Amino acid sequence: MRIFSATIATETNTFSPMPTSLDAYKECVFLRPGEHPTDTPVMCTAPLWVARRRAAADGFSLIEGSCFAASPAGTTNRADYEMMRDEILGQVKAALPLDGVLLGLHGAMVAHGYDDTEGDVIERVRALVGPKCVIGVELDPHCHLTLKRVQLSDIIVLYKEFPHTDVVERAEDLLTLVLRTIRGEIHPVMSLYDCRQVGSYPTTLPLMRAFVDKTAAMEGKDGVLSVSIGHCFPYADVPELSGRILVVTDNDKAKADRLATAIGQEFVAMRGKTAPESVPFDEGISAAVAFNGAPVVMADPADNAGGGAPTDNTTILRRLIERDVQDAAIGPIWDPIAVRLCFDAGEGATFPLRFGGKIGPTSGVPVDAMVTVTALKRDCWQSFGPTQVPLGDCAAIRVGGVQVALITNRTQALGLELFRNLGIEPTERKLLVVKSTNHFMAAFGPIAAKVIYVDSDGPLNRDYRKIPYTRVQRPIWPLDAETTPGLIA
């Protein structure tokens, strides 16, 4: 039995002013066959990593392809996408004949000329491997679950958790289903229900927690192989933007249709009830300072690199300084130039520094301050579940009572190492401001005495009605009050 696996992935914010080029992939994940680390998966590569670990015991040969992934930003350069795609396709062709293909994708990648890059990859792989080869795909729930992908794949499995702490478990599920299909033990069929909605669905809150647990409990019973909840990625102006439900059953399309419809209708009924409450950032600062306990973790979703934001907005930081808030830390702020200047100045130096506020109007005004460099460290990383996310060279600076974690590789706040790398102990701070939507909860939630979500003037507008969509299929909630959810596959 021969199985091929590869990855090409990013999450594309089509409104972002930061284009995604080959250099962005090289900064994040750019691995040729055999170069994938053995100890941990990296962004979207869990299917390959799991298959490598299980190949001998499960009796198959793994042919490893290239793995390319970039941090969320703007649309990928067309030539760069086609180069990476064609490299993987060349590897597939060289590996033929194949019994199975495992693709670790994201699901919200857009390249110039390609609204649905994942669909494009799957379509071209299918043309090479033929109809009998089993194609299994793992996707992030913040994906565009397009018809093309469902029609051309045999099995699609999405992560269930937000924050995404279950990428390895879902890759295990995917591989098991692909192997069972190859062996003739199951005959998967998929049904797709379009909920016609855009929203935020953290599984750290009670309503989504119960919903995910309920649907997960259906798997492995009565011929139900997999249930996936597609949240959608709101910051992409593509036609098939929408929350969708995907059900996979063992050769029972009618059952898949009924279950996808029932789950989809329940998901529709949860509209407007799943996102965390948020307050204006100044009100959030007051609440944090007044709270009798520590640390208070304050999340700034509007400047989240995980949604394609620059992560260099200075508004909240500036207000912390103006209000002379003490015992606070904020991070990350992406500013490679400021990091370099801090290294030039040296640890312990006090000097005038301009930092943040670089990319555009929603980045805010740069901060000009006399800062003290409290720590410097090269080649840093932070953890996110089983993966290590590179931060590059980092610097910590102090302005009044606030310490700032400056990073070189743009990413959101994920692990406690973001601060600990630089001698800032999160558990000993009164206030931690993290630039993240909800992924921070995996590491910061357990240490937080209180979590506050705030609204700021960062580029990721949390009111989806104010996003200037022009290509999204309408009607869709909350842009439109009346919608027509239903089965589409």
Protein backbone atom coordinates (compact mmCIF):
# COMPACT_ATOMS: atom_id res chain seq x y z
CA MET A 1 0.00 0.00 0.00
CA ARG A 2 1.42 3.38 -1.06
CA ILE A 3 0.29 6.70 0.44
CA PHE A 4 1.52 10.19 -0.46
CA SER A 5 1.28 13.23 1.83
CA ALA A 6 2.05 16.93 1.41
CA THR A 7 0.97 20.37 2.65
CA ILE A 8 0.33 23.77 1.10
CA ALA A 9 -1.41 26.18 3.45
CA THR A 10 -2.10 29.67 4.64
CA GLU A 11 -5.15 31.64 5.80
CA THR A 12 -5.74 34.52 3.41
CA ASN A 13 -7.23 37.83 4.45
CA THR A 14 -8.12 39.29 1.06
CA PHE A 15 -8.50 42.74 2.65
CA SER A 16 -4.97 42.72 4.10
CA PRO A 17 -2.40 45.21 2.75
CA MET A 18 0.38 42.62 3.24
CA PRO A 19 0.89 40.40 0.17
CA THR A 20 2.02 36.82 0.79
CA SER A 21 5.08 35.80 -1.22
CA LEU A 22 7.44 32.85 -1.22
CA ASP A 23 9.50 34.56 1.47
CA ALA A 24 6.53 34.33 3.86
CA TYR A 25 6.44 30.57 3.38
CA LYS A 26 10.20 30.30 3.81
CA GLU A 27 9.90 32.20 7.09
CA CYS A 28 7.25 29.78 8.39
CA VAL A 29 7.24 26.28 6.79
CA PHE A 30 9.26 25.45 3.69
CA LEU A 31 10.22 21.78 3.83
CA ARG A 32 11.21 19.46 1.02
CA PRO A 33 10.67 15.65 1.16
CA GLY A 34 12.36 14.15 4.20
CA GLU A 35 13.00 17.51 5.88
CA HIS A 36 9.95 17.50 8.16
CA PRO A 37 10.98 17.40 11.85
CA THR A 38 10.42 14.11 13.64
CA ASP A 39 9.39 15.42 17.04
CA THR A 40 6.37 17.56 16.22
CA PRO A 41 4.08 18.56 13.34
CA VAL A 42 4.24 22.12 12.06
CA MET A 43 1.50 24.27 10.54
CA CYS A 44 -1.04 22.00 8.76
CA THR A 45 1.40 19.06 8.41
CA ALA A 46 -0.21 16.73 10.96
CA PRO A 47 -1.40 14.21 8.30
CA LEU A 48 2.18 13.66 7.11
CA TRP A 49 3.57 13.52 10.64
CA VAL A 50 0.95 11.04 11.81
CA ALA A 51 1.36 8.89 8.70
CA ARG A 52 5.12 8.76 9.20
CA ARG A 53 4.65 7.48 12.75
CA ARG A 54 2.05 4.87 11.77
CA ALA A 55 3.36 3.62 8.42
CA ALA A 56 5.20 0.53 9.65
CA ALA A 57 2.52 -0.62 12.08
CA ASP A 58 -0.32 -0.03 9.61
CA GLY A 59 1.45 -1.70 6.72
CA PHE A 60 1.90 1.06 4.18
CA SER A 61 4.73 2.94 2.54
CA LEU A 62 4.68 6.73 2.97
CA ILE A 63 5.96 8.93 0.17
CA GLU A 64 6.62 12.35 1.64
CA GLY A 65 6.02 15.44 -0.44
CA SER A 66 6.90 19.06 0.18
CA CYS A 67 5.29 21.09 2.96
CA PHE A 68 4.68 24.81 2.48
CA ALA A 69 2.84 27.07 4.96
CA ALA A 70 2.76 30.78 5.76
CA SER A 71 1.33 32.90 8.56
CA PRO A 72 -2.01 34.51 7.69
CA ALA A 73 -1.76 37.66 5.58
CA GLY A 74 -2.90 38.89 2.18
CA THR A 75 -3.36 37.08 -1.11
CA THR A 76 -0.52 34.79 -2.22
CA ASN A 77 1.48 35.76 -5.29
CA ARG A 78 0.19 33.71 -8.25
CA ALA A 79 3.57 32.58 -9.55
CA ASP A 80 4.68 31.53 -6.07
CA TYR A 81 1.51 29.50 -5.48
CA GLU A 82 1.81 27.79 -8.85
CA MET A 83 5.46 26.95 -8.19
CA MET A 84 4.65 25.30 -4.84
CA ARG A 85 1.58 23.54 -6.22
CA ASP A 86 3.39 22.24 -9.28
CA GLU A 87 6.27 20.96 -7.16
CA ILE A 88 3.82 18.87 -5.13
CA LEU A 89 2.00 17.70 -8.26
CA GLY A 90 5.32 16.62 -9.75
CA GLN A 91 5.99 14.60 -6.62
CA VAL A 92 2.55 12.96 -6.87
CA LYS A 93 3.20 12.02 -10.50
CA ALA A 94 6.60 10.56 -9.65
CA ALA A 95 5.07 8.50 -6.82
CA LEU A 96 2.38 6.80 -8.95
CA PRO A 97 0.70 4.39 -8.60
CA LEU A 98 -0.81 5.45 -5.26
CA ASP A 99 -3.50 3.91 -3.07
CA GLY A 100 -4.05 7.04 -1.03
CA VAL A 101 -3.22 10.74 -0.72
CA LEU A 102 -3.22 12.73 2.53
CA LEU A 103 -3.34 16.50 2.11
CA GLY A 104 -2.72 18.80 5.05
CA LEU A 105 -4.33 22.05 3.90
CA HIS A 106 -5.80 25.05 5.68
CA GLY A 107 -8.93 25.75 3.70
CA ALA A 108 -8.89 29.55 3.49
CA MET A 109 -5.95 30.09 1.15
CA VAL A 110 -6.42 32.47 -1.79
CA ALA A 111 -3.89 33.20 -4.54
CA HIS A 112 -4.19 35.73 -7.33
CA GLY A 113 -6.39 34.04 -9.94
CA TYR A 114 -7.45 31.26 -7.52
CA ASP A 115 -10.31 31.81 -5.06
CA ASP A 116 -10.16 28.14 -4.06
CA THR A 117 -6.53 27.03 -4.07
CA GLU A 118 -7.33 23.91 -2.06
CA GLY A 119 -9.96 22.93 -4.60
CA ASP A 120 -7.44 23.56 -7.35
CA VAL A 121 -4.85 21.33 -5.68
CA ILE A 122 -7.35 18.52 -5.03
CA GLU A 123 -8.67 18.71 -8.59
CA ARG A 124 -5.19 18.39 -10.08
CA VAL A 125 -4.21 15.60 -7.70
CA ARG A 126 -7.38 13.71 -8.62
CA ALA A 127 -6.57 14.05 -12.31
CA LEU A 128 -3.17 12.43 -11.68
CA VAL A 129 -4.13 9.62 -9.29
CA GLY A 130 -7.41 8.58 -10.87
CA PRO A 131 -10.84 7.80 -9.38
CA LYS A 132 -9.85 4.74 -7.33
CA CYS A 133 -7.14 6.42 -5.24
CA VAL A 134 -8.50 7.57 -1.86
CA ILE A 135 -7.93 11.28 -1.23
CA GLY A 136 -8.18 12.41 2.39
CA VAL A 137 -7.96 16.06 3.42
CA GLU A 138 -7.54 17.74 6.80
CA LEU A 139 -8.76 21.35 7.06
CA ASP A 140 -8.91 24.11 9.64
CA PRO A 141 -12.53 24.91 10.67
CA HIS A 142 -11.87 28.51 9.58
CA CYS A 143 -12.07 27.35 5.99
CA HIS A 144 -14.19 27.80 2.90
CA LEU A 145 -15.73 24.33 2.64
CA THR A 146 -16.31 24.49 -1.12
CA LEU A 147 -18.35 22.17 -3.29
CA LYS A 148 -15.33 21.36 -5.44
CA ARG A 149 -13.42 19.96 -2.48
CA VAL A 150 -16.31 17.79 -1.37
CA GLN A 151 -16.94 16.49 -4.88
CA LEU A 152 -13.30 15.59 -5.59
CA SER A 153 -12.20 14.22 -2.19
CA ASP A 154 -13.20 10.95 -0.56
CA ILE A 155 -12.92 12.12 3.05
CA ILE A 156 -12.55 15.59 4.58
CA VAL A 157 -11.99 16.07 8.32
CA LEU A 158 -11.86 19.46 10.07
CA TYR A 159 -10.37 20.23 13.46
CA LYS A 160 -13.11 20.38 16.06
CA GLU A 161 -11.55 22.75 18.57
CA PHE A 162 -11.10 26.52 18.58
CA PRO A 163 -8.38 27.05 19.76
CA HIS A 164 -7.05 24.33 17.46
CA THR A 165 -5.61 21.93 20.01
CA ASP A 166 -6.75 18.74 18.24
CA VAL A 167 -4.88 18.87 14.92
CA VAL A 168 -3.04 15.60 15.59
CA GLU A 169 -6.18 13.78 16.78
CA ARG A 170 -8.07 14.78 13.66
CA ALA A 171 -5.13 13.70 11.46
CA GLU A 172 -5.27 10.34 13.23
CA ASP A 173 -8.99 10.12 12.44
CA LEU A 174 -8.37 11.02 8.81
CA LEU A 175 -5.62 8.45 8.32
CA THR A 176 -7.70 5.72 9.96
CA LEU A 177 -10.65 6.45 7.66
CA VAL A 178 -8.43 6.56 4.57
CA LEU A 179 -6.83 3.22 5.45
CA ARG A 180 -10.21 1.59 6.12
CA THR A 181 -11.47 2.90 2.78
CA ILE A 182 -8.44 1.55 0.91
CA ARG A 183 -8.96 -1.85 2.55
CA GLY A 184 -12.63 -1.91 1.54
CA GLU A 185 -13.91 -1.86 5.11
CA ILE A 186 -15.94 1.34 4.59
CA HIS A 187 -17.31 3.29 1.64
CA PRO A 188 -17.49 6.96 2.73
CA VAL A 189 -20.06 9.36 1.32
CA MET A 190 -20.28 13.05 2.26
CA SER A 191 -23.14 15.51 2.69
CA LEU A 192 -22.71 19.27 2.98
CA TYR A 193 -25.20 21.67 4.56
CA ASP A 194 -24.78 25.40 3.97
CA CYS A 195 -25.86 27.43 7.02
CA ARG A 196 -25.55 30.75 5.17
CA GLN A 197 -23.88 32.55 8.07
CA VAL A 198 -20.68 34.24 9.22
CA GLY A 199 -19.72 34.10 12.87
CA SER A 200 -17.20 33.32 15.59
CA TYR A 201 -17.46 30.00 17.40
CA PRO A 202 -14.92 29.50 20.23
CA THR A 203 -15.20 26.04 21.74
CA THR A 204 -13.95 27.40 25.06
CA LEU A 205 -17.42 28.84 25.68
CA PRO A 206 -20.32 26.66 26.93
CA LEU A 207 -22.64 26.76 23.91
CA MET A 208 -20.08 25.67 21.30
CA ARG A 209 -18.44 23.30 23.78
CA ALA A 210 -21.71 21.41 24.17
CA PHE A 211 -22.44 21.51 20.43
CA VAL A 212 -19.05 20.09 19.48
CA ASP A 213 -19.21 17.41 22.17
CA LYS A 214 -22.68 16.40 21.00
CA THR A 215 -21.67 16.06 17.35
CA ALA A 216 -18.40 14.30 18.18
CA ALA A 217 -20.31 11.71 20.18
CA MET A 218 -22.19 10.74 16.99
CA GLU A 219 -19.03 9.50 15.32
CA GLY A 220 -18.39 5.77 15.21
CA LYS A 221 -22.06 4.91 15.72
CA ASP A 222 -24.75 3.81 13.25
CA GLY A 223 -22.46 4.25 10.27
CA VAL A 224 -21.50 7.86 11.05
CA LEU A 225 -17.79 8.20 10.27
CA SER A 226 -17.16 11.91 10.82
CA VAL A 227 -18.93 15.20 11.59
CA SER A 228 -17.19 18.52 10.90
CA ILE A 229 -18.31 22.07 11.66
CA GLY A 230 -16.95 24.63 9.21
CA HIS A 231 -16.86 28.04 10.91
CA CYS A 232 -15.73 29.92 7.76
CA PHE A 233 -13.00 32.59 7.65
CA PRO A 234 -14.76 35.97 7.71
CA TYR A 235 -11.94 38.11 6.32
CA ALA A 236 -11.98 36.72 2.79
CA ASP A 237 -14.08 38.10 -0.03
CA VAL A 238 -14.74 34.83 -1.87
CA PRO A 239 -18.03 33.48 -3.23
CA GLU A 240 -18.35 30.39 -1.00
CA LEU A 241 -17.77 32.15 2.32
CA SER A 242 -20.19 30.57 4.81
CA GLY A 243 -20.48 28.32 7.84
CA ARG A 244 -21.14 24.76 6.67
CA ILE A 245 -21.69 21.31 8.18
CA LEU A 246 -20.00 18.24 6.67
CA VAL A 247 -21.13 14.72 7.54
CA VAL A 248 -19.41 11.53 6.36
CA THR A 249 -21.26 8.21 6.60
CA ASP A 250 -20.51 4.66 5.53
CA ASN A 251 -22.30 4.30 2.18
CA ASP A 252 -25.54 5.91 3.37
CA LYS A 253 -26.14 9.21 1.62
CA ALA A 254 -29.69 9.55 2.90
CA LYS A 255 -28.50 9.29 6.51
CA ALA A 256 -25.70 11.78 5.83
CA ASP A 257 -28.24 14.21 4.34
CA ARG A 258 -30.59 13.91 7.31
CA LEU A 259 -27.84 14.32 9.89
CA ALA A 260 -26.15 17.23 8.12
CA THR A 261 -29.54 18.96 7.90
CA ALA A 262 -30.37 18.41 11.56
CA ILE A 263 -26.94 19.60 12.75
CA GLY A 264 -27.01 22.52 10.32
CA GLN A 265 -30.41 23.68 11.53
CA GLU A 266 -29.20 23.58 15.13
CA PHE A 267 -26.12 25.59 14.15
CA VAL A 268 -28.34 28.18 12.45
CA ALA A 269 -30.42 28.46 15.62
CA MET A 270 -27.25 29.44 17.52
CA ARG A 271 -26.69 32.60 15.46
CA GLY A 272 -25.50 35.54 17.53
CA LYS A 273 -25.07 33.44 20.68
CA THR A 274 -21.62 31.87 20.27
CA ALA A 275 -19.10 34.73 20.34
CA PRO A 276 -17.66 36.04 23.61
CA GLU A 277 -18.92 39.36 24.92
CA SER A 278 -16.51 42.22 24.33
CA VAL A 279 -16.19 45.75 25.67
CA PRO A 280 -14.47 48.93 24.46
CA PHE A 281 -10.75 48.65 25.19
CA ASP A 282 -10.65 51.59 27.63
CA GLU A 283 -13.48 50.02 29.61
CA GLY A 284 -11.55 46.75 29.52
CA ILE A 285 -8.46 48.41 30.97
CA SER A 286 -10.53 49.89 33.80
CA ALA A 287 -12.11 46.52 34.55
CA ALA A 288 -8.71 44.81 34.58
CA VAL A 289 -7.16 47.38 36.93
CA ALA A 290 -10.15 47.22 39.28
CA PHE A 291 -10.32 43.42 39.38
CA ASN A 292 -9.16 41.86 42.63
CA GLY A 293 -6.97 39.12 41.23
CA ALA A 294 -4.21 38.41 38.74
CA PRO A 295 -3.35 37.92 36.04
CA VAL A 296 -6.13 39.49 34.02
CA VAL A 297 -5.77 38.48 30.37
CA MET A 298 -7.16 41.02 27.90
CA ALA A 299 -7.56 39.85 24.30
CA ASP A 300 -7.36 42.16 21.29
CA PRO A 301 -8.94 40.15 18.43
CA ALA A 302 -8.93 43.09 16.01
CA ASP A 303 -5.12 43.06 15.72
CA ASN A 304 -4.67 39.30 15.47
CA ALA A 305 -1.97 38.02 13.10
CA GLY A 306 -3.96 34.77 12.98
CA GLY A 307 -6.59 36.64 10.98
CA GLY A 308 -4.09 38.39 8.73
CA ALA A 309 -3.63 41.57 10.78
CA PRO A 310 -0.15 43.14 11.02
CA THR A 311 -0.13 42.88 14.83
CA ASP A 312 1.50 46.29 15.11
CA ASN A 313 -1.49 48.34 16.30
CA THR A 314 -0.49 50.69 19.12
CA THR A 315 -3.84 52.00 20.37
CA ILE A 316 -4.19 49.86 23.50
CA LEU A 317 -0.49 50.15 24.32
CA ARG A 318 -0.64 53.92 24.00
CA ARG A 319 -3.62 54.04 26.35
CA LEU A 320 -1.86 51.85 28.92
CA ILE A 321 1.04 54.29 28.91
CA GLU A 322 -1.22 57.37 29.09
CA ARG A 323 -3.09 55.89 32.05
CA ASP A 324 0.16 54.94 33.78
CA VAL A 325 -1.01 51.34 34.20
CA GLN A 326 1.50 49.35 36.26
CA ASP A 327 2.58 45.73 36.20
CA ALA A 328 1.32 45.17 32.64
CA ALA A 329 2.73 43.32 29.65
CA ILE A 330 1.55 43.36 26.03
CA GLY A 331 2.46 41.22 23.09
CA PRO A 332 3.24 40.49 20.50
CA ILE A 333 3.99 43.66 18.60
CA TRP A 334 5.52 42.86 15.23
CA ASP A 335 8.34 45.27 14.44
CA PRO A 336 11.55 43.71 13.07
CA ILE A 337 13.21 47.14 12.77
CA ALA A 338 12.57 47.97 16.42
CA VAL A 339 13.91 44.54 17.44
CA ARG A 340 17.11 45.19 15.51
CA LEU A 341 17.52 48.60 17.11
CA CYS A 342 17.09 47.02 20.54
CA PHE A 343 19.83 44.50 19.76
CA ASP A 344 22.02 47.36 18.55
CA ALA A 345 21.39 49.25 21.79
CA GLY A 346 21.98 46.19 23.98
CA GLU A 347 20.27 44.71 27.01
CA GLY A 348 19.90 47.23 29.83
CA ALA A 349 20.15 50.23 27.49
CA THR A 350 17.75 53.15 27.76
CA PHE A 351 17.26 54.97 24.48
CA PRO A 352 14.60 56.70 22.35
CA LEU A 353 12.70 54.17 20.19
CA ARG A 354 9.93 54.48 17.63
CA PHE A 355 7.97 51.23 17.35
CA GLY A 356 4.67 49.81 16.09
CA GLY A 357 2.16 51.57 13.85
CA LYS A 358 3.96 50.80 10.59
CA ILE A 359 1.72 49.01 8.07
CA GLY A 360 -1.31 51.24 7.59
CA PRO A 361 -3.99 53.48 9.16
CA THR A 362 -5.39 50.62 11.28
CA SER A 363 -1.95 50.10 12.80
CA GLY A 364 -2.33 53.28 14.80
CA VAL A 365 0.31 55.94 15.35
CA PRO A 366 3.88 54.76 16.08
CA VAL A 367 4.93 55.04 19.69
CA ASP A 368 7.89 57.36 20.35
CA ALA A 369 9.21 56.77 23.85
CA MET A 370 12.30 56.51 25.97
CA VAL A 371 12.47 52.75 26.52
CA THR A 372 14.64 50.40 28.53
CA VAL A 373 15.66 47.12 26.88
CA THR A 374 14.96 44.48 29.53
CA ALA A 375 15.75 41.34 27.50
CA LEU A 376 17.02 40.17 24.12
CA LYS A 377 16.84 36.65 22.68
CA ARG A 378 17.48 35.19 19.24
CA ASP A 379 15.56 32.46 17.41
CA CYS A 380 12.62 32.31 19.80
CA TRP A 381 9.50 30.18 19.52
CA GLN A 382 6.18 29.71 21.30
CA SER A 383 4.14 26.55 21.68
CA PHE A 384 0.67 25.93 20.31
CA GLY A 385 -0.54 22.48 21.25
CA PRO A 386 2.06 20.03 19.93
CA THR A 387 3.63 22.55 17.54
CA GLN A 388 6.33 25.17 17.93
CA VAL A 389 5.67 28.51 16.23
CA PRO A 390 8.74 30.62 15.34
CA LEU A 391 8.96 34.15 16.68
CA GLY A 392 12.41 35.01 15.34
CA ASP A 393 14.61 37.40 17.27
CA CYS A 394 12.72 39.08 20.12
CA ALA A 395 13.19 42.02 22.43
CA ALA A 396 11.44 43.15 25.61
CA ILE A 397 11.24 46.84 26.37
CA ARG A 398 9.78 48.75 29.31
CA VAL A 399 7.84 51.98 29.00
CA GLY A 400 6.65 53.17 32.40
CA GLY A 401 4.82 50.29 34.02
CA VAL A 402 4.34 48.37 30.75
CA GLN A 403 6.62 45.73 29.23
CA VAL A 404 6.30 45.06 25.51
CA ALA A 405 7.25 41.86 23.67
CA LEU A 406 8.56 42.81 20.23
CA ILE A 407 8.88 40.03 17.63
CA THR A 408 10.49 39.57 14.23
CA ASN A 409 8.33 36.78 12.74
CA ARG A 410 4.73 37.96 12.63
CA THR A 411 2.34 35.75 14.59
CA GLN A 412 -0.34 35.99 17.27
CA ALA A 413 -0.11 35.32 21.00
CA LEU A 414 -0.26 31.56 21.48
CA GLY A 415 2.05 30.23 24.18
CA LEU A 416 3.37 31.53 27.48
CA GLU A 417 6.87 31.42 25.93
CA LEU A 418 5.96 34.64 24.10
CA PHE A 419 6.67 36.40 27.39
CA ARG A 420 8.83 33.86 29.22
CA ASN A 421 11.46 33.93 26.46
CA LEU A 422 12.11 37.48 27.57
CA GLY A 423 12.05 37.05 31.32
CA ILE A 424 8.46 38.22 31.69
CA GLU A 425 6.61 35.75 33.90
CA PRO A 426 2.92 35.86 32.87
CA THR A 427 1.63 34.54 36.18
CA GLU A 428 3.27 37.44 38.02
CA ARG A 429 1.70 40.25 36.00
CA LYS A 430 -1.48 42.10 36.92
CA LEU A 431 -2.48 42.60 33.28
CA LEU A 432 -1.51 40.70 30.13
CA VAL A 433 -2.70 42.11 26.80
CA VAL A 434 -2.55 39.49 24.05
CA LYS A 435 -3.13 40.02 20.36
CA SER A 436 -5.26 37.00 19.52
CA THR A 437 -8.90 36.07 18.94
CA ASN A 438 -9.16 32.85 20.91
CA HIS A 439 -6.10 30.65 20.30
CA PHE A 440 -4.45 32.29 23.31
CA MET A 441 -6.96 30.51 25.54
CA ALA A 442 -5.16 27.16 25.25
CA ALA A 443 -2.18 28.48 27.23
CA PHE A 444 -3.37 31.71 28.85
CA GLY A 445 -6.85 30.57 29.85
CA PRO A 446 -5.60 28.16 32.56
CA ILE A 447 -3.49 30.85 34.26
CA ALA A 448 -6.01 33.71 33.97
CA ALA A 449 -7.91 34.95 36.98
CA LYS A 450 -10.15 36.78 34.50
CA VAL A 451 -10.36 37.03 30.69
CA ILE A 452 -11.63 40.19 29.00
CA TYR A 453 -12.26 40.49 25.25
CA VAL A 454 -12.06 44.05 23.95
CA ASP A 455 -12.94 45.98 20.81
CA SER A 456 -10.18 48.11 19.32
CA ASP A 457 -9.48 49.98 16.09
CA GLY A 458 -7.36 47.15 14.63
CA PRO A 459 -8.03 45.99 11.07
CA LEU A 460 -10.15 42.88 11.85
CA ASN A 461 -13.61 44.34 12.28
CA ARG A 462 -15.70 42.13 14.58
CA ASP A 463 -18.92 43.49 13.10
CA TYR A 464 -19.06 41.49 9.88
CA ARG A 465 -21.74 43.80 8.49
CA LYS A 466 -19.05 46.47 8.15
CA ILE A 467 -16.65 44.35 6.09
CA PRO A 468 -16.73 45.58 2.45
CA TYR A 469 -17.60 42.28 0.75
CA THR A 470 -18.29 42.46 -2.98
CA ARG A 471 -18.09 38.81 -4.10
CA VAL A 472 -19.72 36.80 -1.29
CA GLN A 473 -22.87 34.93 -2.30
CA ARG A 474 -25.92 36.63 -0.80
CA PRO A 475 -28.08 36.43 1.21
CA ILE A 476 -25.94 35.53 4.23
CA TRP A 477 -26.36 36.33 7.93
CA PRO A 478 -25.64 38.82 9.53
CA LEU A 479 -25.35 40.85 6.33
CA ASP A 480 -28.93 39.81 5.53
CA ALA A 481 -31.74 39.01 7.93
CA GLU A 482 -33.43 36.42 5.72
CA THR A 483 -31.35 33.51 4.41
CA THR A 484 -31.97 30.12 2.80
CA PRO A 485 -29.86 27.42 4.50
CA GLY A 486 -29.94 23.95 3.00
CA LEU A 487 -28.14 20.92 1.62
CA ILE A 488 -25.86 21.67 -1.30
CA ALA A 489 -24.06 18.33 -1.68
